[in-house]
């Protein structure tokens, strides 16, 4: 991704949403299980879109050009395993 593409991305609603989510994660009291339960209370179509976003994130983190270091190496390795398993190719998530 070049500098211009990065600047365009930083102006998008998707970037702003990711930033808000990661700001929320930046605390010792974040509870992933509570987050998961909270997602199940959201509108069903939005749950579907969120899952599409998770799948897209996994694919992005598995990419060869994804920059990682020791702090997120486990994320990259897990994402690579998920992509290589083929399980993501079997997922169908229509917008309904």
PDB file of N, CA and C in Angstrom:
ATOM      1  N   UNK A   1       0.856  -1.173   0.000  1.00  0.00           N
ATOM      2  CA  UNK A   1       0.000   0.000   0.000  1.00  0.00           C
ATOM      3  C   UNK A   1       0.900   1.234   0.000  1.00  0.00           C
ATOM      4  N   UNK A   2       0.661   2.131  -0.937  1.00  0.00           N
ATOM      5  CA  UNK A   2       1.491   3.329  -0.998  1.00  0.00           C
ATOM      6  C   UNK A   2       0.940   4.418  -0.075  1.00  0.00           C
ATOM      7  N   UNK A   3       1.687   5.514   0.035  1.00  0.00           N
ATOM      8  CA  UNK A   3       1.330   6.599   0.958  1.00  0.00           C
ATOM      9  C   UNK A   3      -0.034   7.199   0.650  1.00  0.00           C
ATOM     10  N   UNK A   4      -0.338   7.377  -0.627  1.00  0.00           N
ATOM     11  CA  UNK A   4      -1.631   7.947  -1.011  1.00  0.00           C
ATOM     12  C   UNK A   4      -2.773   7.016  -0.601  1.00  0.00           C
ATOM     13  N   UNK A   5      -2.604   5.713  -0.823  1.00  0.00           N
ATOM     14  CA  UNK A   5      -3.633   4.739  -0.439  1.00  0.00           C
ATOM     15  C   UNK A   5      -3.827   4.724   1.078  1.00  0.00           C
ATOM     16  N   UNK A   6      -2.734   4.860   1.811  1.00  0.00           N
ATOM     17  CA  UNK A   6      -2.819   4.902   3.274  1.00  0.00           C
ATOM     18  C   UNK A   6      -3.598   6.131   3.726  1.00  0.00           C
ATOM     19  N   UNK A   7      -3.321   7.265   3.126  1.00  0.00           N
ATOM     20  CA  UNK A   7      -4.031   8.498   3.488  1.00  0.00           C
ATOM     21  C   UNK A   7      -5.523   8.393   3.178  1.00  0.00           C
ATOM     22  N   UNK A   8      -5.852   7.797   2.045  1.00  0.00           N
ATOM     23  CA  UNK A   8      -7.266   7.601   1.694  1.00  0.00           C
ATOM     24  C   UNK A   8      -7.915   6.665   2.705  1.00  0.00           C
ATOM     25  N   UNK A   9      -7.230   5.580   3.057  1.00  0.00           N
ATOM     26  CA  UNK A   9      -7.764   4.635   4.037  1.00  0.00           C
ATOM     27  C   UNK A   9      -7.993   5.326   5.383  1.00  0.00           C
ATOM     28  N   UNK A  10      -7.046   6.149   5.807  1.00  0.00           N
ATOM     29  CA  UNK A  10      -7.167   6.829   7.105  1.00  0.00           C
ATOM     30  C   UNK A  10      -8.360   7.778   7.156  1.00  0.00           C
ATOM     31  N   UNK A  11      -8.860   8.195   6.007  1.00  0.00           N
ATOM     32  CA  UNK A  11     -10.036   9.060   5.965  1.00  0.00           C
ATOM     33  C   UNK A  11     -11.347   8.296   5.887  1.00  0.00           C
ATOM     34  N   UNK A  12     -11.272   6.978   5.821  1.00  0.00           N
ATOM     35  CA  UNK A  12     -12.487   6.178   5.644  1.00  0.00           C
ATOM     36  C   UNK A  12     -13.190   5.882   6.965  1.00  0.00           C
ATOM     37  N   UNK A  13     -14.470   5.568   6.852  1.00  0.00           N
ATOM     38  CA  UNK A  13     -15.250   5.184   8.030  1.00  0.00           C
ATOM     39  C   UNK A  13     -14.733   3.869   8.610  1.00  0.00           C
ATOM     40  N   UNK A  14     -14.206   2.993   7.747  1.00  0.00           N
ATOM     41  CA  UNK A  14     -13.676   1.714   8.211  1.00  0.00           C
ATOM     42  C   UNK A  14     -12.444   1.923   9.095  1.00  0.00           C
ATOM     43  N   UNK A  15     -11.586   2.848   8.698  1.00  0.00           N
ATOM     44  CA  UNK A  15     -10.397   3.137   9.507  1.00  0.00           C
ATOM     45  C   UNK A  15     -10.813   3.718  10.856  1.00  0.00           C
ATOM     46  N   UNK A  16     -11.754   4.638  10.821  1.00  0.00           N
ATOM     47  CA  UNK A  16     -12.223   5.266  12.065  1.00  0.00           C
ATOM     48  C   UNK A  16     -12.865   4.238  12.997  1.00  0.00           C
ATOM     49  N   UNK A  17     -13.598   3.293  12.432  1.00  0.00           N
ATOM     50  CA  UNK A  17     -14.218   2.234  13.245  1.00  0.00           C
ATOM     51  C   UNK A  17     -13.145   1.332  13.844  1.00  0.00           C
ATOM     52  N   UNK A  18     -12.151   0.965  13.040  1.00  0.00           N
ATOM     53  CA  UNK A  18     -11.057   0.126  13.543  1.00  0.00           C
ATOM     54  C   UNK A  18     -10.302   0.852  14.654  1.00  0.00           C
ATOM     55  N   UNK A  19     -10.106   2.140  14.487  1.00  0.00           N
ATOM     56  CA  UNK A  19      -9.409   2.929  15.503  1.00  0.00           C
ATOM     57  C   UNK A  19     -10.209   2.986  16.805  1.00  0.00           C
ATOM     58  N   UNK A  20     -11.521   3.156  16.705  1.00  0.00           N
ATOM     59  CA  UNK A  20     -12.365   3.168  17.911  1.00  0.00           C
ATOM     60  C   UNK A  20     -12.332   1.817  18.613  1.00  0.00           C
ATOM     61  N   UNK A  21     -12.388   0.748  17.832  1.00  0.00           N
ATOM     62  CA  UNK A  21     -12.341  -0.586  18.430  1.00  0.00           C
ATOM     63  C   UNK A  21     -10.996  -0.827  19.103  1.00  0.00           C
ATOM     64  N   UNK A  22      -9.909  -0.512  18.421  1.00  0.00           N
ATOM     65  CA  UNK A  22      -8.597  -0.758  19.026  1.00  0.00           C
ATOM     66  C   UNK A  22      -8.356   0.142  20.229  1.00  0.00           C
ATOM     67  N   UNK A  23      -8.928   1.339  20.227  1.00  0.00           N
ATOM     68  CA  UNK A  23      -8.848   2.184  21.432  1.00  0.00           C
ATOM     69  C   UNK A  23      -9.544   1.504  22.605  1.00  0.00           C
ATOM     70  N   UNK A  24     -10.668   0.863  22.335  1.00  0.00           N
ATOM     71  CA  UNK A  24     -11.396   0.148  23.390  1.00  0.00           C
ATOM     72  C   UNK A  24     -10.607  -1.062  23.893  1.00  0.00           C
ATOM     73  N   UNK A  25      -9.878  -1.704  22.989  1.00  0.00           N
ATOM     74  CA  UNK A  25      -9.077  -2.872  23.360  1.00  0.00           C
ATOM     75  C   UNK A  25      -7.870  -2.507  24.210  1.00  0.00           C
ATOM     76  N   UNK A  26      -7.459  -1.261  24.154  1.00  0.00           N
ATOM     77  CA  UNK A  26      -6.227  -0.813  24.798  1.00  0.00           C
ATOM     78  C   UNK A  26      -6.438  -0.568  26.295  1.00  0.00           C
ATOM     79  N   UNK A  27      -6.882  -1.600  26.977  1.00  0.00           N
ATOM     80  CA  UNK A  27      -7.104  -1.521  28.418  1.00  0.00           C
ATOM     81  C   UNK A  27      -6.956  -2.922  29.007  1.00  0.00           C
ATOM     82  N   UNK A  28      -6.500  -2.981  30.217  1.00  0.00           N
ATOM     83  CA  UNK A  28      -6.304  -4.279  30.882  1.00  0.00           C
ATOM     84  C   UNK A  28      -7.641  -4.949  31.229  1.00  0.00           C
ATOM     85  N   UNK A  29      -8.718  -4.189  31.203  1.00  0.00           N
ATOM     86  CA  UNK A  29     -10.006  -4.760  31.609  1.00  0.00           C
ATOM     87  C   UNK A  29     -10.838  -5.260  30.422  1.00  0.00           C
ATOM     88  N   UNK A  30     -10.292  -5.217  29.203  1.00  0.00           N
ATOM     89  CA  UNK A  30     -11.040  -5.702  28.031  1.00  0.00           C
ATOM     90  C   UNK A  30     -11.299  -7.191  28.182  1.00  0.00           C
ATOM     91  N   UNK A  31     -12.532  -7.586  27.945  1.00  0.00           N
ATOM     92  CA  UNK A  31     -12.929  -8.984  28.071  1.00  0.00           C
ATOM     93  C   UNK A  31     -13.429  -9.489  26.715  1.00  0.00           C
ATOM     94  N   UNK A  32     -12.614 -10.259  25.987  1.00  0.00           N
ATOM     95  CA  UNK A  32     -13.022 -10.745  24.665  1.00  0.00           C
ATOM     96  C   UNK A  32     -14.313 -11.559  24.697  1.00  0.00           C
ATOM     97  N   UNK A  33     -14.527 -12.322  25.759  1.00  0.00           N
ATOM     98  CA  UNK A  33     -15.750 -13.125  25.840  1.00  0.00           C
ATOM     99  C   UNK A  33     -16.981 -12.232  25.997  1.00  0.00           C
ATOM    100  N   UNK A  34     -16.838 -11.167  26.771  1.00  0.00           N
ATOM    101  CA  UNK A  34     -17.951 -10.220  26.936  1.00  0.00           C
ATOM    102  C   UNK A  34     -18.236  -9.515  25.610  1.00  0.00           C
ATOM    103  N   UNK A  35     -17.178  -9.165  24.885  1.00  0.00           N
ATOM    104  CA  UNK A  35     -17.347  -8.562  23.564  1.00  0.00           C
ATOM    105  C   UNK A  35     -18.111  -9.519  22.645  1.00  0.00           C
ATOM    106  N   UNK A  36     -17.707 -10.785  22.628  1.00  0.00           N
ATOM    107  CA  UNK A  36     -18.372 -11.781  21.796  1.00  0.00           C
ATOM    108  C   UNK A  36     -19.857 -11.893  22.148  1.00  0.00           C
ATOM    109  N   UNK A  37     -20.168 -11.908  23.437  1.00  0.00           N
ATOM    110  CA  UNK A  37     -21.580 -11.967  23.863  1.00  0.00           C
ATOM    111  C   UNK A  37     -22.322 -10.718  23.416  1.00  0.00           C
ATOM    112  N   UNK A  38     -21.678  -9.564  23.535  1.00  0.00           N
ATOM    113  CA  UNK A  38     -22.312  -8.302  23.139  1.00  0.00           C
ATOM    114  C   UNK A  38     -22.608  -8.279  21.641  1.00  0.00           C
ATOM    115  N   UNK A  39     -21.712  -8.847  20.845  1.00  0.00           N
ATOM    116  CA  UNK A  39     -21.940  -8.902  19.403  1.00  0.00           C
ATOM    117  C   UNK A  39     -23.191  -9.709  19.092  1.00  0.00           C
ATOM    118  N   UNK A  40     -23.439 -10.767  19.856  1.00  0.00           N
ATOM    119  CA  UNK A  40     -24.617 -11.605  19.588  1.00  0.00           C
ATOM    120  C   UNK A  40     -25.931 -10.883  19.864  1.00  0.00           C
ATOM    121  N   UNK A  41     -25.860  -9.755  20.530  1.00  0.00           N
ATOM    122  CA  UNK A  41     -27.066  -8.971  20.807  1.00  0.00           C
ATOM    123  C   UNK A  41     -27.333  -7.910  19.740  1.00  0.00           C
ATOM    124  N   UNK A  42     -26.423  -7.795  18.788  1.00  0.00           N
ATOM    125  CA  UNK A  42     -26.576  -6.802  17.722  1.00  0.00           C
ATOM    126  C   UNK A  42     -27.490  -7.347  16.628  1.00  0.00           C
ATOM    127  N   UNK A  43     -27.905  -6.461  15.735  1.00  0.00           N
ATOM    128  CA  UNK A  43     -28.770  -6.826  14.617  1.00  0.00           C
ATOM    129  C   UNK A  43     -28.119  -7.952  13.812  1.00  0.00           C
ATOM    130  N   UNK A  44     -28.908  -8.927  13.402  1.00  0.00           N
ATOM    131  CA  UNK A  44     -28.398 -10.121  12.722  1.00  0.00           C
ATOM    132  C   UNK A  44     -27.625  -9.791  11.435  1.00  0.00           C
ATOM    133  N   UNK A  45     -28.124  -8.858  10.653  1.00  0.00           N
ATOM    134  CA  UNK A  45     -27.406  -8.475   9.431  1.00  0.00           C
ATOM    135  C   UNK A  45     -26.062  -7.854   9.774  1.00  0.00           C
ATOM    136  N   UNK A  46     -26.005  -7.069  10.838  1.00  0.00           N
ATOM    137  CA  UNK A  46     -24.752  -6.450  11.244  1.00  0.00           C
ATOM    138  C   UNK A  46     -23.775  -7.488  11.791  1.00  0.00           C
ATOM    139  N   UNK A  47     -24.305  -8.527  12.424  1.00  0.00           N
ATOM    140  CA  UNK A  47     -23.437  -9.630  12.859  1.00  0.00           C
ATOM    141  C   UNK A  47     -22.773 -10.269  11.636  1.00  0.00           C
ATOM    142  N   UNK A  48     -23.551 -10.419  10.573  1.00  0.00           N
ATOM    143  CA  UNK A  48     -23.040 -11.007   9.333  1.00  0.00           C
ATOM    144  C   UNK A  48     -21.929 -10.132   8.751  1.00  0.00           C
ATOM    145  N   UNK A  49     -22.128  -8.823   8.737  1.00  0.00           N
ATOM    146  CA  UNK A  49     -21.116  -7.896   8.223  1.00  0.00           C
ATOM    147  C   UNK A  49     -19.871  -7.897   9.106  1.00  0.00           C
ATOM    148  N   UNK A  50     -20.061  -8.014  10.401  1.00  0.00           N
ATOM    149  CA  UNK A  50     -18.926  -8.071  11.316  1.00  0.00           C
ATOM    150  C   UNK A  50     -18.113  -9.330  11.062  1.00  0.00           C
ATOM    151  N   UNK A  51     -18.788 -10.457  10.857  1.00  0.00           N
ATOM    152  CA  UNK A  51     -18.083 -11.704  10.574  1.00  0.00           C
ATOM    153  C   UNK A  51     -17.320 -11.598   9.258  1.00  0.00           C
ATOM    154  N   UNK A  52     -17.915 -10.962   8.230  1.00  0.00           N
ATOM    155  CA  UNK A  52     -17.201 -10.732   6.979  1.00  0.00           C
ATOM    156  C   UNK A  52     -15.937  -9.917   7.229  1.00  0.00           C
ATOM    157  N   UNK A  53     -16.047  -8.945   8.115  1.00  0.00           N
ATOM    158  CA  UNK A  53     -14.893  -8.105   8.447  1.00  0.00           C
ATOM    159  C   UNK A  53     -13.827  -8.911   9.173  1.00  0.00           C
ATOM    160  N   UNK A  54     -14.237  -9.811  10.052  1.00  0.00           N
ATOM    161  CA  UNK A  54     -13.271 -10.678  10.743  1.00  0.00           C
ATOM    162  C   UNK A  54     -12.545 -11.579   9.738  1.00  0.00           C
ATOM    163  N   UNK A  55     -13.295 -12.164   8.803  1.00  0.00           N
ATOM    164  CA  UNK A  55     -12.698 -13.043   7.796  1.00  0.00           C
ATOM    165  C   UNK A  55     -11.715 -12.244   6.929  1.00  0.00           C
ATOM    166  N   UNK A  56     -12.105 -11.047   6.517  1.00  0.00           N
ATOM    167  CA  UNK A  56     -11.215 -10.205   5.713  1.00  0.00           C
ATOM    168  C   UNK A  56      -9.959  -9.832   6.496  1.00  0.00           C
ATOM    169  N   UNK A  57     -10.106  -9.588   7.793  1.00  0.00           N
ATOM    170  CA  UNK A  57      -8.961  -9.258   8.643  1.00  0.00           C
ATOM    171  C   UNK A  57      -8.015 -10.447   8.745  1.00  0.00           C
ATOM    172  N   UNK A  58      -8.559 -11.629   8.907  1.00  0.00           N
ATOM    173  CA  UNK A  58      -7.732 -12.833   8.971  1.00  0.00           C
ATOM    174  C   UNK A  58      -6.939 -12.988   7.678  1.00  0.00           C
ATOM    175  N   UNK A  59      -7.616 -12.808   6.549  1.00  0.00           N
ATOM    176  CA  UNK A  59      -6.921 -12.922   5.257  1.00  0.00           C
ATOM    177  C   UNK A  59      -5.809 -11.869   5.135  1.00  0.00           C
ATOM    178  N   UNK A  60      -6.080 -10.663   5.565  1.00  0.00           N
ATOM    179  CA  UNK A  60      -5.085  -9.582   5.500  1.00  0.00           C
ATOM    180  C   UNK A  60      -3.888  -9.892   6.388  1.00  0.00           C
ATOM    181  N   UNK A  61      -4.145 -10.364   7.599  1.00  0.00           N
ATOM    182  CA  UNK A  61      -3.064 -10.680   8.530  1.00  0.00           C
ATOM    183  C   UNK A  61      -2.246 -11.894   8.089  1.00  0.00           C
ATOM    184  N   UNK A  62      -2.819 -12.732   7.252  1.00  0.00           N
ATOM    185  CA  UNK A  62      -2.102 -13.906   6.745  1.00  0.00           C
ATOM    186  C   UNK A  62      -1.217 -13.576   5.555  1.00  0.00           C
ATOM    187  N   UNK A  63      -1.401 -12.405   4.982  1.00  0.00           N
ATOM    188  CA  UNK A  63      -0.666 -12.032   3.777  1.00  0.00           C
ATOM    189  C   UNK A  63       0.839 -11.962   3.984  1.00  0.00           C
ATOM    190  N   UNK A  64       1.561 -12.254   2.921  1.00  0.00           N
ATOM    191  CA  UNK A  64       3.029 -12.221   2.979  1.00  0.00           C
ATOM    192  C   UNK A  64       3.553 -10.810   3.220  1.00  0.00           C
ATOM    193  N   UNK A  65       2.791  -9.794   2.798  1.00  0.00           N
ATOM    194  CA  UNK A  65       3.243  -8.419   2.979  1.00  0.00           C
ATOM    195  C   UNK A  65       2.724  -7.792   4.276  1.00  0.00           C
ATOM    196  N   UNK A  66       2.071  -8.602   5.117  1.00  0.00           N
ATOM    197  CA  UNK A  66       1.593  -8.116   6.412  1.00  0.00           C
ATOM    198  C   UNK A  66       2.799  -7.937   7.338  1.00  0.00           C
ATOM    199  N   UNK A  67       2.990  -6.737   7.823  1.00  0.00           N
ATOM    200  CA  UNK A  67       4.115  -6.472   8.705  1.00  0.00           C
ATOM    201  C   UNK A  67       3.804  -6.890  10.135  1.00  0.00           C
ATOM    202  N   UNK A  68       4.644  -7.717  10.700  1.00  0.00           N
ATOM    203  CA  UNK A  68       4.445  -8.161  12.077  1.00  0.00           C
ATOM    204  C   UNK A  68       5.781  -8.232  12.784  1.00  0.00           C
ATOM    205  N   UNK A  69       5.701  -8.250  14.098  1.00  0.00           N
ATOM    206  CA  UNK A  69       6.893  -8.429  14.920  1.00  0.00           C
ATOM    207  C   UNK A  69       6.529  -9.397  16.039  1.00  0.00           C
ATOM    208  N   UNK A  70       7.353  -9.498  17.061  1.00  0.00           N
ATOM    209  CA  UNK A  70       7.094 -10.476  18.126  1.00  0.00           C
ATOM    210  C   UNK A  70       5.770 -10.234  18.848  1.00  0.00           C
ATOM    211  N   UNK A  71       5.283  -8.982  18.850  1.00  0.00           N
ATOM    212  CA  UNK A  71       4.033  -8.679  19.556  1.00  0.00           C
ATOM    213  C   UNK A  71       2.815  -9.282  18.867  1.00  0.00           C
ATOM    214  N   UNK A  72       2.858  -9.397  17.557  1.00  0.00           N
ATOM    215  CA  UNK A  72       1.695  -9.937  16.846  1.00  0.00           C
ATOM    216  C   UNK A  72       2.044 -11.085  15.903  1.00  0.00           C
ATOM    217  N   UNK A  73       3.183 -11.709  16.121  1.00  0.00           N
ATOM    218  CA  UNK A  73       3.596 -12.857  15.309  1.00  0.00           C
ATOM    219  C   UNK A  73       2.585 -13.999  15.431  1.00  0.00           C
ATOM    220  N   UNK A  74       2.059 -14.212  16.631  1.00  0.00           N
ATOM    221  CA  UNK A  74       1.057 -15.257  16.850  1.00  0.00           C
ATOM    222  C   UNK A  74      -0.191 -15.015  16.020  1.00  0.00           C
ATOM    223  N   UNK A  75      -0.595 -13.752  15.881  1.00  0.00           N
ATOM    224  CA  UNK A  75      -1.763 -13.419  15.052  1.00  0.00           C
ATOM    225  C   UNK A  75      -1.502 -13.801  13.603  1.00  0.00           C
ATOM    226  N   UNK A  76      -0.332 -13.445  13.118  1.00  0.00           N
ATOM    227  CA  UNK A  76       0.023 -13.766  11.727  1.00  0.00           C
ATOM    228  C   UNK A  76       0.038 -15.281  11.522  1.00  0.00           C
ATOM    229  N   UNK A  77       0.697 -15.996  12.423  1.00  0.00           N
ATOM    230  CA  UNK A  77       0.799 -17.450  12.274  1.00  0.00           C
ATOM    231  C   UNK A  77      -0.573 -18.120  12.350  1.00  0.00           C
ATOM    232  N   UNK A  78      -1.427 -17.668  13.259  1.00  0.00           N
ATOM    233  CA  UNK A  78      -2.773 -18.232  13.354  1.00  0.00           C
ATOM    234  C   UNK A  78      -3.569 -17.939  12.085  1.00  0.00           C
ATOM    235  N   UNK A  79      -3.446 -16.716  11.577  1.00  0.00           N
ATOM    236  CA  UNK A  79      -4.158 -16.339  10.354  1.00  0.00           C
ATOM    237  C   UNK A  79      -3.681 -17.182   9.171  1.00  0.00           C
ATOM    238  N   UNK A  80      -2.376 -17.397   9.071  1.00  0.00           N
ATOM    239  CA  UNK A  80      -1.833 -18.226   7.995  1.00  0.00           C
ATOM    240  C   UNK A  80      -2.415 -19.631   8.079  1.00  0.00           C
ATOM    241  N   UNK A  81      -2.471 -20.202   9.270  1.00  0.00           N
ATOM    242  CA  UNK A  81      -3.023 -21.552   9.435  1.00  0.00           C
ATOM    243  C   UNK A  81      -4.484 -21.605   9.008  1.00  0.00           C
ATOM    244  N   UNK A  82      -5.253 -20.577   9.375  1.00  0.00           N
ATOM    245  CA  UNK A  82      -6.669 -20.561   9.001  1.00  0.00           C
ATOM    246  C   UNK A  82      -6.839 -20.478   7.494  1.00  0.00           C
ATOM    247  N   UNK A  83      -6.053 -19.613   6.848  1.00  0.00           N
ATOM    248  CA  UNK A  83      -6.153 -19.477   5.387  1.00  0.00           C
ATOM    249  C   UNK A  83      -5.704 -20.759   4.704  1.00  0.00           C
ATOM    250  N   UNK A  84      -4.568 -21.306   5.143  1.00  0.00           N
ATOM    251  CA  UNK A  84      -4.048 -22.520   4.522  1.00  0.00           C
ATOM    252  C   UNK A  84      -4.963 -23.719   4.724  1.00  0.00           C
ATOM    253  N   UNK A  85      -5.735 -23.730   5.787  1.00  0.00           N
ATOM    254  CA  UNK A  85      -6.645 -24.849   6.040  1.00  0.00           C
ATOM    255  C   UNK A  85      -7.766 -24.916   5.014  1.00  0.00           C
ATOM    256  N   UNK A  86      -8.048 -23.785   4.372  1.00  0.00           N
ATOM    257  CA  UNK A  86      -9.123 -23.732   3.390  1.00  0.00           C
ATOM    258  C   UNK A  86     -10.487 -23.460   3.995  1.00  0.00           C
ATOM    259  N   UNK A  87     -10.563 -23.412   5.309  1.00  0.00           N
ATOM    260  CA  UNK A  87     -11.857 -23.215   5.980  1.00  0.00           C
ATOM    261  C   UNK A  87     -12.509 -21.885   5.592  1.00  0.00           C
ATOM    262  N   UNK A  88     -11.699 -20.862   5.372  1.00  0.00           N
ATOM    263  CA  UNK A  88     -12.270 -19.559   5.014  1.00  0.00           C
ATOM    264  C   UNK A  88     -12.900 -19.586   3.629  1.00  0.00           C
ATOM    265  N   UNK A  89     -12.397 -20.460   2.757  1.00  0.00           N
ATOM    266  CA  UNK A  89     -12.946 -20.576   1.411  1.00  0.00           C
ATOM    267  C   UNK A  89     -14.328 -21.230   1.420  1.00  0.00           C
ATOM    268  N   UNK A  90     -14.641 -21.920   2.485  1.00  0.00           N
ATOM    269  CA  UNK A  90     -15.930 -22.620   2.598  1.00  0.00           C
ATOM    270  C   UNK A  90     -17.014 -21.735   3.223  1.00  0.00           C
ATOM    271  N   UNK A  91     -16.635 -20.559   3.672  1.00  0.00           N
ATOM    272  CA  UNK A  91     -17.575 -19.672   4.370  1.00  0.00           C
ATOM    273  C   UNK A  91     -18.340 -18.821   3.352  1.00  0.00           C
ATOM    274  N   UNK A  92     -19.663 -18.823   3.481  1.00  0.00           N
ATOM    275  CA  UNK A  92     -20.524 -18.011   2.629  1.00  0.00           C
ATOM    276  C   UNK A  92     -21.317 -17.071   3.537  1.00  0.00           C
ATOM    277  N   UNK A  93     -21.114 -15.785   3.367  1.00  0.00           N
ATOM    278  CA  UNK A  93     -21.748 -14.795   4.226  1.00  0.00           C
ATOM    279  C   UNK A  93     -22.464 -13.741   3.383  1.00  0.00           C
ATOM    280  N   UNK A  94     -23.682 -14.030   2.934  1.00  0.00           N
ATOM    281  CA  UNK A  94     -24.410 -13.076   2.092  1.00  0.00           C
ATOM    282  C   UNK A  94     -24.935 -11.894   2.905  1.00  0.00           C
ATOM    283  N   UNK A  95     -25.169 -10.786   2.235  1.00  0.00           N
ATOM    284  CA  UNK A  95     -25.823  -9.633   2.856  1.00  0.00           C
ATOM    285  C   UNK A  95     -27.321  -9.812   2.708  1.00  0.00           C
ATOM    286  N   UNK A  96     -27.987 -10.029   3.826  1.00  0.00           N
ATOM    287  CA  UNK A  96     -29.455 -10.251   3.805  1.00  0.00           C
ATOM    288  C   UNK A  96     -30.111  -9.232   4.698  1.00  0.00           C
TER     289      UNK A  96
END
